[in-house]
Amino acid sequence: MKLIYTIILSFMLLGVSSSLKAQETLDVSTMKKSQILKLTYNQLTDLSLEDLMTLADKMGVSTDELL
């Protein structure tokens, strides 16, 4: 019985964590340079390569320089 409760609790926590992660996504297509400059290193490293390249293009730098 404890095993069933543990499994259910694990799935619930997994669902909550994934929904919180989804709320943290950034819309890089509408970001301005001032917003890009305020991003932290962790936020930049969490982005997909495509999003990171989009931000680098907007700033006129390479992805390495952006990080």
Protein backbone atom coordinates (compact mmCIF):
# COMPACT_ATOMS: atom_id res chain seq x y z
CA MET A 1 0.00 0.00 0.00
CA LYS A 2 2.88 2.38 0.81
CA LEU A 3 4.38 1.59 -2.56
CA ILE A 4 1.22 2.71 -4.36
CA TYR A 5 1.14 5.98 -2.40
CA THR A 6 4.82 6.54 -3.16
CA ILE A 7 4.30 5.97 -6.87
CA ILE A 8 1.27 8.28 -6.98
CA LEU A 9 3.11 10.98 -5.05
CA SER A 10 6.10 10.69 -7.39
CA PHE A 11 3.92 11.19 -10.46
CA MET A 12 2.18 14.17 -8.86
CA LEU A 13 5.49 15.82 -8.02
CA LEU A 14 6.77 15.16 -11.52
CA GLY A 15 3.68 16.81 -12.98
CA VAL A 16 4.03 19.86 -10.74
CA SER A 17 7.70 20.30 -11.56
CA SER A 18 7.10 20.05 -15.30
CA SER A 19 4.26 22.58 -15.14
CA LEU A 20 6.50 24.99 -13.22
CA LYS A 21 9.20 24.56 -15.84
CA ALA A 22 6.70 25.33 -18.59
CA GLN A 23 5.81 28.62 -16.90
CA GLU A 24 9.43 29.72 -16.94
CA THR A 25 9.83 29.60 -20.71
CA LEU A 26 10.87 32.82 -22.39
CA ASP A 27 9.46 34.18 -25.64
CA VAL A 28 12.73 35.14 -27.27
CA SER A 29 11.10 36.27 -30.52
CA THR A 30 9.57 39.32 -28.81
CA MET A 31 12.43 40.18 -26.45
CA LYS A 32 14.16 43.55 -26.72
CA LYS A 33 17.88 44.13 -26.21
CA SER A 34 17.31 45.58 -22.74
CA GLN A 35 15.44 42.42 -21.71
CA ILE A 36 18.15 40.19 -23.16
CA LEU A 37 20.83 42.02 -21.17
CA LYS A 38 18.94 41.28 -17.93
CA LEU A 39 18.96 37.50 -18.47
CA THR A 40 21.10 35.50 -16.07
CA TYR A 41 23.67 32.92 -17.13
CA ASN A 42 21.36 30.12 -15.90
CA GLN A 43 18.45 31.44 -17.95
CA LEU A 44 20.65 31.59 -21.05
CA THR A 45 22.00 28.07 -20.58
CA ASP A 46 18.45 26.72 -20.13
CA LEU A 47 17.47 27.98 -23.59
CA SER A 48 17.51 25.78 -26.66
CA LEU A 49 20.32 26.35 -29.13
CA GLU A 50 17.87 27.85 -31.61
CA ASP A 51 16.61 30.40 -29.05
CA LEU A 52 20.14 31.21 -27.97
CA MET A 53 21.16 31.84 -31.58
CA THR A 54 18.12 34.10 -32.05
CA LEU A 55 19.14 36.19 -29.05
CA ALA A 56 22.75 36.34 -30.23
CA ASP A 57 21.59 37.59 -33.64
CA LYS A 58 19.47 40.29 -32.01
CA MET A 59 22.44 41.44 -29.95
CA GLY A 60 24.87 41.23 -32.87
CA VAL A 61 27.25 38.87 -31.07
CA SER A 62 28.15 35.20 -31.20
CA THR A 63 26.54 32.69 -28.88
CA ASP A 64 29.85 32.36 -27.01
CA GLU A 65 29.97 36.10 -26.39
CA LEU A 66 26.35 36.11 -25.26
CA LEU A 67 27.09 33.49 -22.62
